[in-house]
Amino acid sequence: MSRQNESQDAIALAQSTAATPLVPSLNTDLLLSYPDDANRDLLAFLQRDENQNLLQGKRIAIVSTDGVEEIELTIPLRKLREMGAVVEVVAPESSDIGSLGIVMPALRQSHIMTIRFIEPAGWHPVDVWINDADPSNYDAVIIPGGAWNPDLLRGDPRVIKFIQTMQQDGKLVSAICHGPQVLISAGVVAGKKATSWPLMLVDLENAGVKLVDAPVVIDDNLITSRGPLDLPHFVDAIANFLSENA
């Protein structure tokens, strides 16, 4: 039997053991159409007009990679740009997945793959590769969530060094949802007040963080939030910090 036939047989066997796809699509469309008031602040925030001069002259890096929660990337990106900031998506280069034999498509040479909760969503362009990103060029860094975006970022020493330098220079360091996992690996949260997605609060606690259950938690130059519904509070806290520290 040829190697190609062996591969095809193995793929067919793997597919035969996969779970039956009976679950509904899970994405941010459901979040934004939630039938009660849980998303009221988020909907109002998305439709709010911004002061286009509030963050003039400020530069923000949104450090992210494949598997980033789309809404936690695109909403801060759009809103902070509307406030006049220069916002750049900073990412590691193509992340072919080690020895697993998974090769990313050519589009990954200029984009990262986003997700909507657990559903692959699309491709978002990268502005600067992490190798070329100079922390001194930015006033703030944002780490979005997504279940595997932070996991990949926390294993990249270039990302860790970028965050550590921002923290040491007194720049704003912020993260939402699972994003604080990267801050744990960077060693910048011990002794600080912070929050995160509920399922990883134990990770923060084990890292010496003083846990606070609130939409946004501010401790000096560290800002953290719990998840997508807290995006209005998260973005406004970032904007307020930067506008007050001109």
C-alpha atoms as a PDB file:
ATOM      1  CA  MET A   1       0.000   0.000   0.000  1.00  0.00           C
ATOM      2  CA  SER A   2       1.331   3.450  -0.925  1.00  0.00           C
ATOM      3  CA  ARG A   3       2.027   6.140   1.666  1.00  0.00           C
ATOM      4  CA  GLN A   4      -0.786   8.256   0.161  1.00  0.00           C
ATOM      5  CA  ASN A   5      -3.286   5.424   0.534  1.00  0.00           C
ATOM      6  CA  GLU A   6      -2.123   4.826   4.099  1.00  0.00           C
ATOM      7  CA  SER A   7      -2.693   8.502   4.887  1.00  0.00           C
ATOM      8  CA  GLN A   8      -6.160   8.483   3.309  1.00  0.00           C
ATOM      9  CA  ASP A   9      -7.113   5.359   5.278  1.00  0.00           C
ATOM     10  CA  ALA A  10      -5.825   6.907   8.499  1.00  0.00           C
ATOM     11  CA  ILE A  11      -7.775  10.128   7.856  1.00  0.00           C
ATOM     12  CA  ALA A  12     -10.953   8.148   7.177  1.00  0.00           C
ATOM     13  CA  LEU A  13     -10.443   6.231  10.431  1.00  0.00           C
ATOM     14  CA  ALA A  14      -9.890   9.443  12.410  1.00  0.00           C
ATOM     15  CA  GLN A  15     -13.000  11.008  10.884  1.00  0.00           C
ATOM     16  CA  SER A  16     -15.034   7.922  11.762  1.00  0.00           C
ATOM     17  CA  THR A  17     -14.141   8.373  15.439  1.00  0.00           C
ATOM     18  CA  ALA A  18     -15.028  12.088  15.524  1.00  0.00           C
ATOM     19  CA  ALA A  19     -18.050  13.304  17.464  1.00  0.00           C
ATOM     20  CA  THR A  20     -21.287  13.627  15.517  1.00  0.00           C
ATOM     21  CA  PRO A  21     -21.747  17.349  14.662  1.00  0.00           C
ATOM     22  CA  LEU A  22     -25.086  17.883  16.380  1.00  0.00           C
ATOM     23  CA  VAL A  23     -24.258  21.058  18.336  1.00  0.00           C
ATOM     24  CA  PRO A  24     -25.331  24.500  17.082  1.00  0.00           C
ATOM     25  CA  SER A  25     -22.897  27.076  15.801  1.00  0.00           C
ATOM     26  CA  LEU A  26     -21.374  28.913  18.782  1.00  0.00           C
ATOM     27  CA  ASN A  27     -20.192  32.414  17.998  1.00  0.00           C
ATOM     28  CA  THR A  28     -20.483  36.086  18.852  1.00  0.00           C
ATOM     29  CA  ASP A  29     -23.727  36.474  16.911  1.00  0.00           C
ATOM     30  CA  LEU A  30     -25.362  34.684  19.835  1.00  0.00           C
ATOM     31  CA  LEU A  31     -23.586  36.966  22.310  1.00  0.00           C
ATOM     32  CA  LEU A  32     -24.864  40.099  20.599  1.00  0.00           C
ATOM     33  CA  SER A  33     -28.434  38.795  20.308  1.00  0.00           C
ATOM     34  CA  TYR A  34     -28.706  37.537  23.893  1.00  0.00           C
ATOM     35  CA  PRO A  35     -32.385  37.864  24.932  1.00  0.00           C
ATOM     36  CA  ASP A  36     -31.967  39.790  28.205  1.00  0.00           C
ATOM     37  CA  ASP A  37     -29.959  42.780  29.454  1.00  0.00           C
ATOM     38  CA  ALA A  38     -26.615  40.994  29.885  1.00  0.00           C
ATOM     39  CA  ASN A  39     -25.220  42.507  26.694  1.00  0.00           C
ATOM     40  CA  ARG A  40     -26.900  45.928  26.934  1.00  0.00           C
ATOM     41  CA  ASP A  41     -23.678  47.809  27.774  1.00  0.00           C
ATOM     42  CA  LEU A  42     -21.811  46.113  24.936  1.00  0.00           C
ATOM     43  CA  LEU A  43     -24.473  46.942  22.353  1.00  0.00           C
ATOM     44  CA  ALA A  44     -24.603  50.588  23.458  1.00  0.00           C
ATOM     45  CA  PHE A  45     -20.803  50.785  23.414  1.00  0.00           C
ATOM     46  CA  LEU A  46     -20.596  49.488  19.843  1.00  0.00           C
ATOM     47  CA  GLN A  47     -22.963  52.240  18.684  1.00  0.00           C
ATOM     48  CA  ARG A  48     -21.382  55.065  20.702  1.00  0.00           C
ATOM     49  CA  ASP A  49     -19.665  57.965  18.922  1.00  0.00           C
ATOM     50  CA  GLU A  50     -16.104  58.543  20.139  1.00  0.00           C
ATOM     51  CA  ASN A  51     -13.999  61.656  20.733  1.00  0.00           C
ATOM     52  CA  GLN A  52     -11.619  61.394  17.780  1.00  0.00           C
ATOM     53  CA  ASN A  53      -8.962  63.518  19.505  1.00  0.00           C
ATOM     54  CA  LEU A  54      -8.922  61.760  22.888  1.00  0.00           C
ATOM     55  CA  LEU A  55      -5.912  59.543  22.159  1.00  0.00           C
ATOM     56  CA  GLN A  56      -4.129  61.539  19.468  1.00  0.00           C
ATOM     57  CA  GLY A  57      -0.412  60.711  19.536  1.00  0.00           C
ATOM     58  CA  LYS A  58      -0.854  57.467  21.493  1.00  0.00           C
ATOM     59  CA  ARG A  59       0.387  54.153  20.111  1.00  0.00           C
ATOM     60  CA  ILE A  60      -1.028  50.796  21.218  1.00  0.00           C
ATOM     61  CA  ALA A  61       0.126  47.259  20.439  1.00  0.00           C
ATOM     62  CA  ILE A  62      -2.461  44.464  20.463  1.00  0.00           C
ATOM     63  CA  VAL A  63      -0.290  41.366  20.789  1.00  0.00           C
ATOM     64  CA  SER A  64      -2.117  38.288  19.530  1.00  0.00           C
ATOM     65  CA  THR A  65      -1.804  35.176  17.404  1.00  0.00           C
ATOM     66  CA  ASP A  66      -3.888  32.355  15.950  1.00  0.00           C
ATOM     67  CA  GLY A  67      -6.954  31.478  18.005  1.00  0.00           C
ATOM     68  CA  VAL A  68      -7.516  34.989  19.309  1.00  0.00           C
ATOM     69  CA  GLU A  69     -11.087  35.727  20.356  1.00  0.00           C
ATOM     70  CA  GLU A  70     -12.158  37.903  17.454  1.00  0.00           C
ATOM     71  CA  ILE A  71     -14.385  40.326  19.334  1.00  0.00           C
ATOM     72  CA  GLU A  72     -11.656  40.940  21.942  1.00  0.00           C
ATOM     73  CA  LEU A  73      -9.280  41.921  19.150  1.00  0.00           C
ATOM     74  CA  THR A  74     -11.509  43.837  16.752  1.00  0.00           C
ATOM     75  CA  ILE A  75     -13.546  45.932  19.189  1.00  0.00           C
ATOM     76  CA  PRO A  76     -10.563  47.463  21.066  1.00  0.00           C
ATOM     77  CA  LEU A  77      -8.834  47.904  17.697  1.00  0.00           C
ATOM     78  CA  ARG A  78     -11.760  49.776  16.174  1.00  0.00           C
ATOM     79  CA  LYS A  79     -12.765  51.810  19.202  1.00  0.00           C
ATOM     80  CA  LEU A  80      -9.265  52.958  20.159  1.00  0.00           C
ATOM     81  CA  ARG A  81      -8.590  53.932  16.540  1.00  0.00           C
ATOM     82  CA  GLU A  82     -11.821  55.919  16.564  1.00  0.00           C
ATOM     83  CA  MET A  83     -10.424  57.766  19.601  1.00  0.00           C
ATOM     84  CA  GLY A  84      -7.395  58.810  17.550  1.00  0.00           C
ATOM     85  CA  ALA A  85      -4.797  56.262  18.681  1.00  0.00           C
ATOM     86  CA  VAL A  86      -2.457  54.406  16.350  1.00  0.00           C
ATOM     87  CA  VAL A  87      -3.261  50.760  17.085  1.00  0.00           C
ATOM     88  CA  GLU A  88      -1.208  47.924  15.598  1.00  0.00           C
ATOM     89  CA  VAL A  89      -1.726  44.177  15.695  1.00  0.00           C
ATOM     90  CA  VAL A  90       1.593  42.635  16.704  1.00  0.00           C
ATOM     91  CA  ALA A  91       1.990  38.899  16.177  1.00  0.00           C
ATOM     92  CA  PRO A  92       4.547  36.114  15.938  1.00  0.00           C
ATOM     93  CA  GLU A  93       5.314  34.882  12.452  1.00  0.00           C
ATOM     94  CA  SER A  94       3.529  31.869  10.943  1.00  0.00           C
ATOM     95  CA  SER A  95       2.851  29.289  13.637  1.00  0.00           C
ATOM     96  CA  ASP A  96       3.022  25.964  11.853  1.00  0.00           C
ATOM     97  CA  ILE A  97       2.203  23.607  14.671  1.00  0.00           C
ATOM     98  CA  GLY A  98       5.493  21.962  15.521  1.00  0.00           C
ATOM     99  CA  SER A  99       5.878  18.320  14.601  1.00  0.00           C
ATOM    100  CA  LEU A 100       2.157  17.680  14.204  1.00  0.00           C
ATOM    101  CA  GLY A 101       2.348  18.067  10.441  1.00  0.00           C
ATOM    102  CA  ILE A 102      -0.211  20.882  10.317  1.00  0.00           C
ATOM    103  CA  VAL A 103       0.805  23.544   7.800  1.00  0.00           C
ATOM    104  CA  MET A 104      -0.871  26.951   7.828  1.00  0.00           C
ATOM    105  CA  PRO A 105      -2.165  28.351   4.508  1.00  0.00           C
ATOM    106  CA  ALA A 106      -0.255  31.058   2.640  1.00  0.00           C
ATOM    107  CA  LEU A 107      -2.540  33.758   4.079  1.00  0.00           C
ATOM    108  CA  ARG A 108      -0.852  33.183   7.443  1.00  0.00           C
ATOM    109  CA  GLN A 109       2.176  35.023   6.053  1.00  0.00           C
ATOM    110  CA  SER A 110       0.276  38.277   6.603  1.00  0.00           C
ATOM    111  CA  HIS A 111      -2.697  37.416   8.862  1.00  0.00           C
ATOM    112  CA  ILE A 112      -3.605  35.578  12.068  1.00  0.00           C
ATOM    113  CA  MET A 113      -6.619  33.312  12.443  1.00  0.00           C
ATOM    114  CA  THR A 114      -9.407  34.523  14.733  1.00  0.00           C
ATOM    115  CA  ILE A 115     -12.092  32.515  16.498  1.00  0.00           C
ATOM    116  CA  ARG A 116     -15.589  33.282  17.769  1.00  0.00           C
ATOM    117  CA  PHE A 117     -15.792  31.450  21.044  1.00  0.00           C
ATOM    118  CA  ILE A 118     -14.828  27.990  19.732  1.00  0.00           C
ATOM    119  CA  GLU A 119     -15.696  28.474  16.077  1.00  0.00           C
ATOM    120  CA  PRO A 120     -13.009  29.455  13.534  1.00  0.00           C
ATOM    121  CA  ALA A 121     -13.979  32.880  12.239  1.00  0.00           C
ATOM    122  CA  GLY A 122     -11.588  34.417   9.740  1.00  0.00           C
ATOM    123  CA  TRP A 123      -8.215  36.013   9.129  1.00  0.00           C
ATOM    124  CA  HIS A 124      -7.072  39.355  10.536  1.00  0.00           C
ATOM    125  CA  PRO A 125      -4.124  41.275   9.060  1.00  0.00           C
ATOM    126  CA  VAL A 126      -0.937  41.700  11.062  1.00  0.00           C
ATOM    127  CA  ASP A 127       0.656  45.150  11.198  1.00  0.00           C
ATOM    128  CA  VAL A 128       3.994  44.278  12.798  1.00  0.00           C
ATOM    129  CA  TRP A 129       5.764  40.972  13.451  1.00  0.00           C
ATOM    130  CA  ILE A 130       6.943  40.536  17.016  1.00  0.00           C
ATOM    131  CA  ASN A 131      10.577  40.382  15.838  1.00  0.00           C
ATOM    132  CA  ASP A 132      10.222  43.932  14.512  1.00  0.00           C
ATOM    133  CA  ALA A 133       8.141  45.351  17.373  1.00  0.00           C
ATOM    134  CA  ASP A 134      10.007  47.832  19.589  1.00  0.00           C
ATOM    135  CA  PRO A 135       8.308  48.340  22.987  1.00  0.00           C
ATOM    136  CA  SER A 136       9.633  51.898  23.105  1.00  0.00           C
ATOM    137  CA  ASN A 137       7.326  52.751  20.194  1.00  0.00           C
ATOM    138  CA  TYR A 138       4.168  52.017  22.199  1.00  0.00           C
ATOM    139  CA  ASP A 139       2.330  53.539  25.133  1.00  0.00           C
ATOM    140  CA  ALA A 140       0.272  50.417  25.884  1.00  0.00           C
ATOM    141  CA  VAL A 141      -0.025  46.728  25.155  1.00  0.00           C
ATOM    142  CA  ILE A 142      -3.265  44.737  25.049  1.00  0.00           C
ATOM    143  CA  ILE A 143      -3.458  40.930  25.281  1.00  0.00           C
ATOM    144  CA  PRO A 144      -6.843  39.636  24.046  1.00  0.00           C
ATOM    145  CA  GLY A 145      -8.221  36.266  25.042  1.00  0.00           C
ATOM    146  CA  GLY A 146      -9.274  33.168  23.189  1.00  0.00           C
ATOM    147  CA  ALA A 147      -8.557  29.716  24.534  1.00  0.00           C
ATOM    148  CA  TRP A 148      -5.408  29.030  22.537  1.00  0.00           C
ATOM    149  CA  ASN A 149      -4.155  32.502  21.590  1.00  0.00           C
ATOM    150  CA  PRO A 150      -2.717  33.108  25.108  1.00  0.00           C
ATOM    151  CA  ASP A 151      -1.380  29.565  25.275  1.00  0.00           C
ATOM    152  CA  LEU A 152       0.686  30.143  22.135  1.00  0.00           C
ATOM    153  CA  LEU A 153       1.758  33.641  23.172  1.00  0.00           C
ATOM    154  CA  ARG A 154       2.952  32.628  26.646  1.00  0.00           C
ATOM    155  CA  GLY A 155       5.351  30.125  25.078  1.00  0.00           C
ATOM    156  CA  ASP A 156       6.989  32.745  22.867  1.00  0.00           C
ATOM    157  CA  PRO A 157      10.007  34.366  24.595  1.00  0.00           C
ATOM    158  CA  ARG A 158       9.790  37.390  22.274  1.00  0.00           C
ATOM    159  CA  VAL A 159       6.247  38.124  23.471  1.00  0.00           C
ATOM    160  CA  ILE A 160       7.251  37.649  27.101  1.00  0.00           C
ATOM    161  CA  LYS A 161      10.196  40.033  26.702  1.00  0.00           C
ATOM    162  CA  PHE A 162       7.972  42.618  24.992  1.00  0.00           C
ATOM    163  CA  ILE A 163       5.513  42.592  27.904  1.00  0.00           C
ATOM    164  CA  GLN A 164       8.237  42.643  30.551  1.00  0.00           C
ATOM    165  CA  THR A 165       9.864  45.657  28.906  1.00  0.00           C
ATOM    166  CA  MET A 166       6.550  47.517  28.725  1.00  0.00           C
ATOM    167  CA  GLN A 167       5.960  46.805  32.422  1.00  0.00           C
ATOM    168  CA  GLN A 168       9.494  47.843  33.440  1.00  0.00           C
ATOM    169  CA  ASP A 169       9.119  51.098  31.518  1.00  0.00           C
ATOM    170  CA  GLY A 170       5.870  51.933  33.307  1.00  0.00           C
ATOM    171  CA  LYS A 171       3.784  51.546  30.144  1.00  0.00           C
ATOM    172  CA  LEU A 172       0.180  50.343  30.314  1.00  0.00           C
ATOM    173  CA  VAL A 173      -0.120  46.531  30.326  1.00  0.00           C
ATOM    174  CA  SER A 174      -3.637  45.167  29.845  1.00  0.00           C
ATOM    175  CA  ALA A 175      -5.331  41.822  29.233  1.00  0.00           C
ATOM    176  CA  ILE A 176      -8.856  40.440  28.995  1.00  0.00           C
ATOM    177  CA  CYS A 177     -10.473  37.029  29.398  1.00  0.00           C
ATOM    178  CA  HIS A 178      -7.714  34.351  29.101  1.00  0.00           C
ATOM    179  CA  GLY A 179      -5.143  37.032  28.210  1.00  0.00           C
ATOM    180  CA  PRO A 180      -3.799  37.309  31.794  1.00  0.00           C
ATOM    181  CA  GLN A 181      -2.262  33.857  31.314  1.00  0.00           C
ATOM    182  CA  VAL A 182       0.429  35.598  29.279  1.00  0.00           C
ATOM    183  CA  LEU A 183       0.971  38.132  32.057  1.00  0.00           C
ATOM    184  CA  ILE A 184       1.473  35.274  34.519  1.00  0.00           C
ATOM    185  CA  SER A 185       4.199  33.800  32.329  1.00  0.00           C
ATOM    186  CA  ALA A 186       5.765  37.247  31.993  1.00  0.00           C
ATOM    187  CA  GLY A 187       5.878  37.543  35.787  1.00  0.00           C
ATOM    188  CA  VAL A 188       4.214  40.952  35.923  1.00  0.00           C
ATOM    189  CA  VAL A 189       1.119  40.241  38.049  1.00  0.00           C
ATOM    190  CA  ALA A 190       2.385  38.895  41.393  1.00  0.00           C
ATOM    191  CA  GLY A 191       1.089  41.047  44.240  1.00  0.00           C
ATOM    192  CA  LYS A 192      -1.255  42.967  41.918  1.00  0.00           C
ATOM    193  CA  LYS A 193      -5.038  43.188  41.919  1.00  0.00           C
ATOM    194  CA  ALA A 194      -6.504  41.612  38.776  1.00  0.00           C
ATOM    195  CA  THR A 195      -9.347  39.616  37.257  1.00  0.00           C
ATOM    196  CA  SER A 196      -9.854  37.242  34.326  1.00  0.00           C
ATOM    197  CA  TRP A 197     -12.195  34.712  32.775  1.00  0.00           C
ATOM    198  CA  PRO A 198     -13.677  32.821  35.779  1.00  0.00           C
ATOM    199  CA  LEU A 199     -12.149  29.446  34.896  1.00  0.00           C
ATOM    200  CA  MET A 200      -8.596  30.757  35.160  1.00  0.00           C
ATOM    201  CA  LEU A 201      -8.933  32.719  38.390  1.00  0.00           C
ATOM    202  CA  VAL A 202      -7.139  29.878  40.179  1.00  0.00           C
ATOM    203  CA  ASP A 203      -4.141  30.446  37.890  1.00  0.00           C
ATOM    204  CA  LEU A 204      -4.003  34.094  38.908  1.00  0.00           C
ATOM    205  CA  GLU A 205      -4.395  33.198  42.567  1.00  0.00           C
ATOM    206  CA  ASN A 206      -1.557  30.671  42.320  1.00  0.00           C
ATOM    207  CA  ALA A 207       0.571  33.404  40.736  1.00  0.00           C
ATOM    208  CA  GLY A 208       0.109  35.630  43.797  1.00  0.00           C
ATOM    209  CA  VAL A 209      -2.614  37.885  42.413  1.00  0.00           C
ATOM    210  CA  LYS A 210      -5.198  39.578  44.647  1.00  0.00           C
ATOM    211  CA  LEU A 211      -8.415  38.516  42.910  1.00  0.00           C
ATOM    212  CA  VAL A 212     -11.222  41.011  42.291  1.00  0.00           C
ATOM    213  CA  ASP A 213     -14.530  40.072  40.663  1.00  0.00           C
ATOM    214  CA  ALA A 214     -15.337  43.214  38.656  1.00  0.00           C
ATOM    215  CA  PRO A 215     -15.825  44.175  34.996  1.00  0.00           C
ATOM    216  CA  VAL A 216     -12.446  45.922  35.010  1.00  0.00           C
ATOM    217  CA  VAL A 217      -9.668  46.007  37.602  1.00  0.00           C
ATOM    218  CA  ILE A 218      -6.999  48.726  37.610  1.00  0.00           C
ATOM    219  CA  ASP A 219      -3.815  48.440  39.662  1.00  0.00           C
ATOM    220  CA  ASP A 220      -1.265  51.094  38.782  1.00  0.00           C
ATOM    221  CA  ASN A 221      -0.339  50.404  35.122  1.00  0.00           C
ATOM    222  CA  LEU A 222      -2.101  47.004  34.995  1.00  0.00           C
ATOM    223  CA  ILE A 223      -5.659  46.709  33.619  1.00  0.00           C
ATOM    224  CA  THR A 224      -7.580  43.418  33.406  1.00  0.00           C
ATOM    225  CA  SER A 225     -11.140  42.383  32.530  1.00  0.00           C
ATOM    226  CA  ARG A 226     -13.208  39.187  32.690  1.00  0.00           C
ATOM    227  CA  GLY A 227     -14.546  38.660  29.178  1.00  0.00           C
ATOM    228  CA  PRO A 228     -16.378  39.963  26.086  1.00  0.00           C
ATOM    229  CA  LEU A 229     -19.310  41.522  27.947  1.00  0.00           C
ATOM    230  CA  ASP A 230     -16.803  43.670  29.864  1.00  0.00           C
ATOM    231  CA  LEU A 231     -15.252  45.161  26.709  1.00  0.00           C
ATOM    232  CA  PRO A 232     -16.884  48.607  27.219  1.00  0.00           C
ATOM    233  CA  HIS A 233     -15.321  48.903  30.674  1.00  0.00           C
ATOM    234  CA  PHE A 234     -11.991  47.480  29.472  1.00  0.00           C
ATOM    235  CA  VAL A 235     -11.596  49.819  26.497  1.00  0.00           C
ATOM    236  CA  ASP A 236     -12.732  52.881  28.445  1.00  0.00           C
ATOM    237  CA  ALA A 237     -10.264  52.102  31.256  1.00  0.00           C
ATOM    238  CA  ILE A 238      -7.443  51.893  28.704  1.00  0.00           C
ATOM    239  CA  ALA A 239      -8.534  55.158  27.071  1.00  0.00           C
ATOM    240  CA  ASN A 240      -8.845  56.942  30.416  1.00  0.00           C
ATOM    241  CA  PHE A 241      -5.411  55.775  31.552  1.00  0.00           C
ATOM    242  CA  LEU A 242      -3.742  56.940  28.361  1.00  0.00           C
ATOM    243  CA  SER A 243      -5.563  60.266  28.226  1.00  0.00           C
ATOM    244  CA  GLU A 244      -4.685  61.009  31.851  1.00  0.00           C
ATOM    245  CA  ASN A 245      -1.036  60.052  31.365  1.00  0.00           C
ATOM    246  CA  ALA A 246      -0.216  62.206  28.361  1.00  0.00           C
END
